[in-house]
Amino acid sequence: MSPDQVMAEVERVMSRPFDWGPCDCCSAACTVFAGLWGFDPMAPVRGYRGAFGAKRMLARYGGLGALADDLAARAGLVPGHAVGGLALGDIGPGSGSLLICVAPGIWAGKSMDGFAILRSAEKGWHA
């Protein structure tokens, strides 16, 4: 997996308008991951719509961190950071998100206006 491949998929997916469910701060990173690896770690919870649906789904799992841990385990992902892998991060103040690793130390996450590039991420998982 090359950084160019990851960035091309980030641009294809995360340049779309923000939409709770299909293209939000979590689903967009998983859509990129699915485009790169051929499977969607978020498949078990797809189908929620709107901010309220996202909030209700996160509450059911005990928050974003617990949901991410559960989905990564179900998908058989390996803990750690790698190009094309997922991680937890913050796009803005108090806004947890899933990120995709473009290259070591470079992460992309869906923002309200496209996507943001970050230099760090928290806990991660990869194929």
Protein backbone atom coordinates (compact mmCIF):
# COMPACT_ATOMS: atom_id res chain seq x y z
CA MET A 1 0.00 0.00 0.00
CA SER A 2 1.55 3.30 -1.04
CA PRO A 3 0.82 6.78 0.35
CA ASP A 4 -0.25 7.82 -3.17
CA GLN A 5 -2.87 5.05 -3.28
CA VAL A 6 -4.19 6.05 0.13
CA MET A 7 -4.31 9.75 -0.73
CA ALA A 8 -6.14 9.09 -4.00
CA GLU A 9 -8.82 7.16 -2.09
CA VAL A 10 -8.97 9.86 0.62
CA GLU A 11 -9.58 12.51 -2.03
CA ARG A 12 -12.19 10.37 -3.81
CA VAL A 13 -14.19 9.67 -0.62
CA MET A 14 -13.56 12.58 1.74
CA SER A 15 -14.08 15.32 -0.85
CA ARG A 16 -17.79 14.47 -0.83
CA PRO A 17 -20.14 16.61 1.27
CA PHE A 18 -20.38 15.71 4.96
CA ASP A 19 -23.43 13.53 5.55
CA TRP A 20 -24.12 11.78 8.90
CA GLY A 21 -24.11 8.08 8.08
CA PRO A 22 -22.80 7.79 4.53
CA CYS A 23 -19.88 10.25 4.78
CA ASP A 24 -19.21 11.47 8.31
CA CYS A 25 -16.20 11.66 10.63
CA CYS A 26 -16.18 7.87 11.11
CA SER A 27 -17.82 6.29 8.08
CA ALA A 28 -15.62 8.18 5.59
CA ALA A 29 -12.40 6.70 7.01
CA CYS A 30 -13.94 3.22 6.88
CA THR A 31 -15.10 3.79 3.30
CA VAL A 32 -11.51 4.72 2.39
CA PHE A 33 -10.27 1.61 4.22
CA ALA A 34 -12.80 -0.54 2.32
CA GLY A 35 -11.64 0.94 -0.99
CA LEU A 36 -8.04 0.06 -0.15
CA TRP A 37 -8.45 -3.35 1.49
CA GLY A 38 -11.72 -4.70 0.09
CA PHE A 39 -13.69 -4.93 3.35
CA ASP A 40 -15.52 -2.43 5.54
CA PRO A 41 -14.84 -2.61 9.30
CA MET A 42 -17.91 -0.46 9.86
CA ALA A 43 -20.30 -2.76 7.95
CA PRO A 44 -22.03 -4.07 11.13
CA VAL A 45 -23.28 -0.57 12.04
CA ARG A 46 -23.91 1.00 8.64
CA GLY A 47 -27.41 2.32 8.08
CA TYR A 48 -27.70 5.04 10.73
CA ARG A 49 -28.75 8.45 9.43
CA GLY A 50 -28.42 11.95 10.81
CA ALA A 51 -26.57 13.33 13.81
CA PHE A 52 -29.13 11.85 16.20
CA GLY A 53 -28.74 8.39 14.64
CA ALA A 54 -24.95 8.63 14.96
CA LYS A 55 -25.18 9.79 18.57
CA ARG A 56 -27.62 6.99 19.45
CA MET A 57 -25.38 4.36 17.80
CA LEU A 58 -22.27 5.64 19.64
CA ALA A 59 -24.14 5.65 22.96
CA ARG A 60 -25.23 2.04 22.41
CA TYR A 61 -21.56 1.00 22.14
CA GLY A 62 -20.27 3.20 24.97
CA GLY A 63 -18.63 5.88 22.82
CA LEU A 64 -16.36 6.09 19.81
CA GLY A 65 -13.38 4.36 21.40
CA ALA A 66 -15.40 1.32 22.47
CA LEU A 67 -17.15 1.16 19.10
CA ALA A 68 -13.83 1.35 17.23
CA ASP A 69 -12.33 -1.41 19.42
CA ASP A 70 -15.35 -3.63 18.82
CA LEU A 71 -15.44 -3.09 15.05
CA ALA A 72 -11.68 -3.60 14.71
CA ALA A 73 -11.89 -6.88 16.63
CA ARG A 74 -14.84 -8.11 14.56
CA ALA A 75 -12.94 -7.25 11.35
CA GLY A 76 -9.81 -9.04 12.56
CA LEU A 77 -7.66 -5.92 12.44
CA VAL A 78 -4.26 -5.84 14.13
CA PRO A 79 -3.56 -3.16 16.77
CA GLY A 80 -1.03 -0.53 15.74
CA HIS A 81 -0.39 2.05 13.07
CA ALA A 82 0.33 1.34 9.40
CA VAL A 83 -0.19 3.01 6.03
CA GLY A 84 -3.81 2.45 5.05
CA GLY A 85 -4.81 1.70 8.65
CA LEU A 86 -7.40 3.35 10.88
CA ALA A 87 -6.93 5.26 14.13
CA LEU A 88 -8.76 7.47 16.58
CA GLY A 89 -8.06 11.18 16.47
CA ASP A 90 -9.52 14.67 16.81
CA ILE A 91 -10.39 16.83 13.83
CA GLY A 92 -11.36 19.76 16.05
CA PRO A 93 -11.96 20.62 19.69
CA GLY A 94 -13.93 17.79 21.27
CA SER A 95 -14.65 16.07 17.98
CA GLY A 96 -13.44 12.50 18.04
CA SER A 97 -13.08 10.89 14.65
CA LEU A 98 -11.69 7.91 12.80
CA LEU A 99 -8.66 8.69 10.69
CA ILE A 100 -6.86 6.88 7.88
CA CYS A 101 -3.06 6.70 7.77
CA VAL A 102 -1.72 8.23 4.55
CA ALA A 103 1.96 7.80 5.49
CA PRO A 104 3.87 7.48 8.77
CA GLY A 105 2.93 10.57 10.80
CA ILE A 106 0.30 11.76 8.29
CA TRP A 107 -3.38 11.07 8.92
CA ALA A 108 -6.53 12.16 7.07
CA GLY A 109 -9.95 12.63 8.61
CA LYS A 110 -13.29 13.82 7.30
CA SER A 111 -14.16 17.38 8.25
CA MET A 112 -17.30 19.39 7.63
CA ASP A 113 -15.65 21.04 4.62
CA GLY A 114 -13.72 18.15 3.09
CA PHE A 115 -10.88 16.55 5.01
CA ALA A 116 -8.10 17.54 7.35
CA ILE A 117 -4.52 16.30 7.50
CA LEU A 118 -3.18 15.62 10.98
CA ARG A 119 0.31 14.78 12.23
CA SER A 120 -0.71 12.44 15.02
CA ALA A 121 -3.30 9.86 15.93
CA GLU A 122 -4.20 7.81 18.96
CA LYS A 123 -4.89 4.08 19.06
CA GLY A 124 -4.87 2.43 15.64
CA TRP A 125 -5.60 -0.79 13.75
CA HIS A 126 -4.58 -2.15 10.39
CA ALA A 127 -5.18 -5.09 8.05
